[in-house]
C-alpha atoms as a PDB file:
ATOM      1  CA  UNK A   1       0.000   0.000   0.000  1.00  0.00           C
ATOM      2  CA  UNK A   2       1.170   3.503  -0.779  1.00  0.00           C
ATOM      3  CA  UNK A   3       2.338   5.349   2.343  1.00  0.00           C
ATOM      4  CA  UNK A   4       2.041   9.148   2.220  1.00  0.00           C
ATOM      5  CA  UNK A   5       3.142  12.013   4.420  1.00  0.00           C
ATOM      6  CA  UNK A   6       1.412  15.353   3.845  1.00  0.00           C
ATOM      7  CA  UNK A   7       3.070  18.503   5.114  1.00  0.00           C
ATOM      8  CA  UNK A   8       1.136  21.356   6.695  1.00  0.00           C
ATOM      9  CA  UNK A   9       0.763  23.265   3.420  1.00  0.00           C
ATOM     10  CA  UNK A  10      -1.149  20.320   1.950  1.00  0.00           C
ATOM     11  CA  UNK A  11      -3.470  19.926   4.953  1.00  0.00           C
ATOM     12  CA  UNK A  12      -4.300  23.628   4.854  1.00  0.00           C
ATOM     13  CA  UNK A  13      -4.835  23.861   1.097  1.00  0.00           C
ATOM     14  CA  UNK A  14      -8.567  22.955   1.086  1.00  0.00           C
ATOM     15  CA  UNK A  15      -9.206  25.917   3.398  1.00  0.00           C
ATOM     16  CA  UNK A  16      -7.117  28.439   1.458  1.00  0.00           C
ATOM     17  CA  UNK A  17      -8.660  31.059  -0.847  1.00  0.00           C
ATOM     18  CA  UNK A  18      -9.772  29.098  -3.925  1.00  0.00           C
ATOM     19  CA  UNK A  19      -9.854  31.974  -6.435  1.00  0.00           C
ATOM     20  CA  UNK A  20      -6.533  31.011  -8.061  1.00  0.00           C
ATOM     21  CA  UNK A  21      -6.797  27.953 -10.353  1.00  0.00           C
ATOM     22  CA  UNK A  22      -3.561  26.429  -8.983  1.00  0.00           C
ATOM     23  CA  UNK A  23      -4.813  26.609  -5.386  1.00  0.00           C
ATOM     24  CA  UNK A  24      -8.241  25.267  -6.385  1.00  0.00           C
ATOM     25  CA  UNK A  25      -6.689  22.272  -8.180  1.00  0.00           C
ATOM     26  CA  UNK A  26      -4.332  21.550  -5.287  1.00  0.00           C
ATOM     27  CA  UNK A  27      -7.251  21.718  -2.836  1.00  0.00           C
ATOM     28  CA  UNK A  28      -9.266  19.263  -4.909  1.00  0.00           C
ATOM     29  CA  UNK A  29      -6.263  16.938  -5.118  1.00  0.00           C
ATOM     30  CA  UNK A  30      -5.786  17.033  -1.324  1.00  0.00           C
ATOM     31  CA  UNK A  31      -9.459  16.127  -0.884  1.00  0.00           C
ATOM     32  CA  UNK A  32      -8.994  13.196  -3.299  1.00  0.00           C
ATOM     33  CA  UNK A  33      -5.917  12.056  -1.348  1.00  0.00           C
ATOM     34  CA  UNK A  34      -7.839  12.190   1.946  1.00  0.00           C
ATOM     35  CA  UNK A  35     -10.666  10.203   0.334  1.00  0.00           C
ATOM     36  CA  UNK A  36      -8.119   7.600  -0.836  1.00  0.00           C
ATOM     37  CA  UNK A  37      -6.829   7.350   2.736  1.00  0.00           C
ATOM     38  CA  UNK A  38     -10.343   6.962   4.148  1.00  0.00           C
ATOM     39  CA  UNK A  39     -11.055   4.258   1.546  1.00  0.00           C
ATOM     40  CA  UNK A  40      -7.916   2.356   2.547  1.00  0.00           C
ATOM     41  CA  UNK A  41      -6.199   2.953  -0.793  1.00  0.00           C
ATOM     42  CA  UNK A  42      -3.282   4.807   0.826  1.00  0.00           C
ATOM     43  CA  UNK A  43      -1.786   4.914   4.303  1.00  0.00           C
ATOM     44  CA  UNK A  44      -1.329   8.273   6.032  1.00  0.00           C
ATOM     45  CA  UNK A  45       1.624   9.122   8.267  1.00  0.00           C
ATOM     46  CA  UNK A  46       1.335  11.665  11.055  1.00  0.00           C
ATOM     47  CA  UNK A  47       4.203  13.110  13.062  1.00  0.00           C
ATOM     48  CA  UNK A  48       5.076  15.120  16.124  1.00  0.00           C
ATOM     49  CA  UNK A  49       6.352  17.810  13.710  1.00  0.00           C
ATOM     50  CA  UNK A  50       2.894  18.110  12.146  1.00  0.00           C
ATOM     51  CA  UNK A  51       1.321  18.308  15.618  1.00  0.00           C
ATOM     52  CA  UNK A  52       3.775  21.023  16.652  1.00  0.00           C
ATOM     53  CA  UNK A  53       3.329  23.080  13.501  1.00  0.00           C
ATOM     54  CA  UNK A  54      -0.452  22.773  13.698  1.00  0.00           C
ATOM     55  CA  UNK A  55      -0.454  23.875  17.346  1.00  0.00           C
ATOM     56  CA  UNK A  56       1.068  27.163  16.161  1.00  0.00           C
ATOM     57  CA  UNK A  57      -1.550  27.758  13.445  1.00  0.00           C
ATOM     58  CA  UNK A  58      -3.187  31.136  14.155  1.00  0.00           C
ATOM     59  CA  UNK A  59      -6.393  30.100  12.340  1.00  0.00           C
ATOM     60  CA  UNK A  60      -8.618  27.962  14.618  1.00  0.00           C
ATOM     61  CA  UNK A  61     -10.709  26.568  11.733  1.00  0.00           C
ATOM     62  CA  UNK A  62      -7.595  25.368   9.867  1.00  0.00           C
ATOM     63  CA  UNK A  63      -6.121  24.015  13.096  1.00  0.00           C
ATOM     64  CA  UNK A  64      -9.243  21.971  13.903  1.00  0.00           C
ATOM     65  CA  UNK A  65      -9.527  20.665  10.332  1.00  0.00           C
ATOM     66  CA  UNK A  66      -5.898  19.512  10.342  1.00  0.00           C
ATOM     67  CA  UNK A  67      -6.423  17.813  13.723  1.00  0.00           C
ATOM     68  CA  UNK A  68      -9.314  15.854  12.199  1.00  0.00           C
ATOM     69  CA  UNK A  69      -7.254  14.920   9.124  1.00  0.00           C
ATOM     70  CA  UNK A  70      -4.371  13.738  11.299  1.00  0.00           C
ATOM     71  CA  UNK A  71      -6.716  11.346  13.077  1.00  0.00           C
ATOM     72  CA  UNK A  72      -6.758   9.366   9.811  1.00  0.00           C
ATOM     73  CA  UNK A  73      -3.054   8.586  10.223  1.00  0.00           C
ATOM     74  CA  UNK A  74      -2.388   4.885  10.768  1.00  0.00           C
ATOM     75  CA  UNK A  75       1.323   5.496  11.308  1.00  0.00           C
ATOM     76  CA  UNK A  76       2.882   8.096  13.593  1.00  0.00           C
ATOM     77  CA  UNK A  77       6.501   9.190  13.452  1.00  0.00           C
ATOM     78  CA  UNK A  78       7.916  10.962  16.479  1.00  0.00           C
ATOM     79  CA  UNK A  79      11.115  12.965  16.231  1.00  0.00           C
ATOM     80  CA  UNK A  80      14.141  11.135  17.600  1.00  0.00           C
ATOM     81  CA  UNK A  81      17.891  11.651  17.522  1.00  0.00           C
ATOM     82  CA  UNK A  82      18.334  10.031  14.079  1.00  0.00           C
ATOM     83  CA  UNK A  83      15.595  12.218  12.602  1.00  0.00           C
ATOM     84  CA  UNK A  84      17.203  15.336  14.097  1.00  0.00           C
ATOM     85  CA  UNK A  85      20.559  14.345  12.585  1.00  0.00           C
ATOM     86  CA  UNK A  86      18.990  13.741   9.174  1.00  0.00           C
ATOM     87  CA  UNK A  87      17.118  17.056   9.388  1.00  0.00           C
ATOM     88  CA  UNK A  88      20.381  18.868  10.133  1.00  0.00           C
ATOM     89  CA  UNK A  89      21.935  17.279   7.019  1.00  0.00           C
ATOM     90  CA  UNK A  90      18.949  18.393   4.954  1.00  0.00           C
ATOM     91  CA  UNK A  91      19.194  21.927   6.375  1.00  0.00           C
ATOM     92  CA  UNK A  92      22.842  22.095   5.327  1.00  0.00           C
ATOM     93  CA  UNK A  93      21.601  21.297   1.823  1.00  0.00           C
ATOM     94  CA  UNK A  94      19.242  24.275   1.799  1.00  0.00           C
ATOM     95  CA  UNK A  95      15.996  23.135   3.414  1.00  0.00           C
ATOM     96  CA  UNK A  96      14.254  25.221   6.058  1.00  0.00           C
ATOM     97  CA  UNK A  97      14.260  23.689   9.549  1.00  0.00           C
ATOM     98  CA  UNK A  98      10.616  22.546   9.664  1.00  0.00           C
ATOM     99  CA  UNK A  99      10.728  21.323   6.056  1.00  0.00           C
ATOM    100  CA  UNK A 100      13.839  19.302   6.898  1.00  0.00           C
ATOM    101  CA  UNK A 101      12.051  17.727   9.872  1.00  0.00           C
ATOM    102  CA  UNK A 102       9.038  16.846   7.697  1.00  0.00           C
ATOM    103  CA  UNK A 103      11.288  15.191   5.098  1.00  0.00           C
ATOM    104  CA  UNK A 104      13.247  13.323   7.789  1.00  0.00           C
ATOM    105  CA  UNK A 105      10.014  12.074   9.400  1.00  0.00           C
ATOM    106  CA  UNK A 106       8.623  10.993   6.036  1.00  0.00           C
ATOM    107  CA  UNK A 107      11.833   9.104   5.264  1.00  0.00           C
ATOM    108  CA  UNK A 108      11.997   7.480   8.722  1.00  0.00           C
ATOM    109  CA  UNK A 109       8.395   6.265   8.424  1.00  0.00           C
ATOM    110  CA  UNK A 110       9.152   4.602   5.068  1.00  0.00           C
ATOM    111  CA  UNK A 111       6.725   6.873   3.245  1.00  0.00           C
ATOM    112  CA  UNK A 112       6.971   6.594  -0.523  1.00  0.00           C
ATOM    113  CA  UNK A 113       5.682  10.152  -0.971  1.00  0.00           C
ATOM    114  CA  UNK A 114       5.809  13.489   0.766  1.00  0.00           C
ATOM    115  CA  UNK A 115       2.968  15.684  -0.491  1.00  0.00           C
ATOM    116  CA  UNK A 116       3.454  19.456  -0.335  1.00  0.00           C
ATOM    117  CA  UNK A 117       2.219  22.627  -2.025  1.00  0.00           C
ATOM    118  CA  UNK A 118       5.649  24.209  -1.513  1.00  0.00           C
ATOM    119  CA  UNK A 119       7.329  24.369  -4.929  1.00  0.00           C
ATOM    120  CA  UNK A 120      10.660  25.367  -3.377  1.00  0.00           C
ATOM    121  CA  UNK A 121      10.641  22.239  -1.196  1.00  0.00           C
ATOM    122  CA  UNK A 122       9.758  20.035  -4.170  1.00  0.00           C
ATOM    123  CA  UNK A 123      12.650  21.498  -6.184  1.00  0.00           C
ATOM    124  CA  UNK A 124      15.151  21.088  -3.339  1.00  0.00           C
ATOM    125  CA  UNK A 125      14.204  17.436  -2.785  1.00  0.00           C
ATOM    126  CA  UNK A 126      14.486  16.246  -6.377  1.00  0.00           C
ATOM    127  CA  UNK A 127      17.577  14.138  -5.621  1.00  0.00           C
ATOM    128  CA  UNK A 128      16.105  12.262  -2.639  1.00  0.00           C
ATOM    129  CA  UNK A 129      14.876   8.670  -2.683  1.00  0.00           C
ATOM    130  CA  UNK A 130      11.453   9.738  -1.381  1.00  0.00           C
ATOM    131  CA  UNK A 131       9.232  11.347  -4.009  1.00  0.00           C
ATOM    132  CA  UNK A 132       8.270  14.883  -3.003  1.00  0.00           C
ATOM    133  CA  UNK A 133       5.275  15.924  -5.089  1.00  0.00           C
ATOM    134  CA  UNK A 134       2.566  18.529  -5.406  1.00  0.00           C
ATOM    135  CA  UNK A 135      -0.853  16.989  -4.550  1.00  0.00           C
ATOM    136  CA  UNK A 136      -2.053  17.302  -8.161  1.00  0.00           C
ATOM    137  CA  UNK A 137       1.031  15.511  -9.497  1.00  0.00           C
ATOM    138  CA  UNK A 138       0.611  12.787  -6.866  1.00  0.00           C
ATOM    139  CA  UNK A 139      -3.019  12.129  -7.835  1.00  0.00           C
ATOM    140  CA  UNK A 140      -2.086  12.085 -11.520  1.00  0.00           C
ATOM    141  CA  UNK A 141       0.831   9.717 -10.874  1.00  0.00           C
ATOM    142  CA  UNK A 142      -1.309   7.270  -8.911  1.00  0.00           C
ATOM    143  CA  UNK A 143      -4.085   7.517 -11.502  1.00  0.00           C
ATOM    144  CA  UNK A 144      -1.677   6.690 -14.318  1.00  0.00           C
ATOM    145  CA  UNK A 145      -0.442   3.681 -12.324  1.00  0.00           C
ATOM    146  CA  UNK A 146      -4.022   2.397 -12.106  1.00  0.00           C
ATOM    147  CA  UNK A 147      -4.582   2.649 -15.849  1.00  0.00           C
ATOM    148  CA  UNK A 148      -1.454   0.720 -16.849  1.00  0.00           C
END
């Protein structure tokens, strides 16, 4: 089964302003991904980093929605020494601290995909073993796998 880790930008996308086509499409893709998880077609990973970042969200509606989404997670990855070390390596290669922790948690949990709406993060992770994709690209990739 496909194991996915969504970062905070992905969880928040369905509640962002939908007037831009890119944001609308990403929001729809996140909803599809959450439906796949609920249907048992993908396995969601949660983490202590996601909990921490969500606890700092200044928007109560987004915070509550993300809490509900995270309850779908069948796997939880807590930060440990190895994850901190890996995150420091990733930071030295240009990732922001929280992004590095998300990537390290996704890797440690054996996720095949990290889903994010952060184009900069996607570009900086192109050399990693884990696939870091925009939600739309993830849905399209899984859909093309089904039709083969």
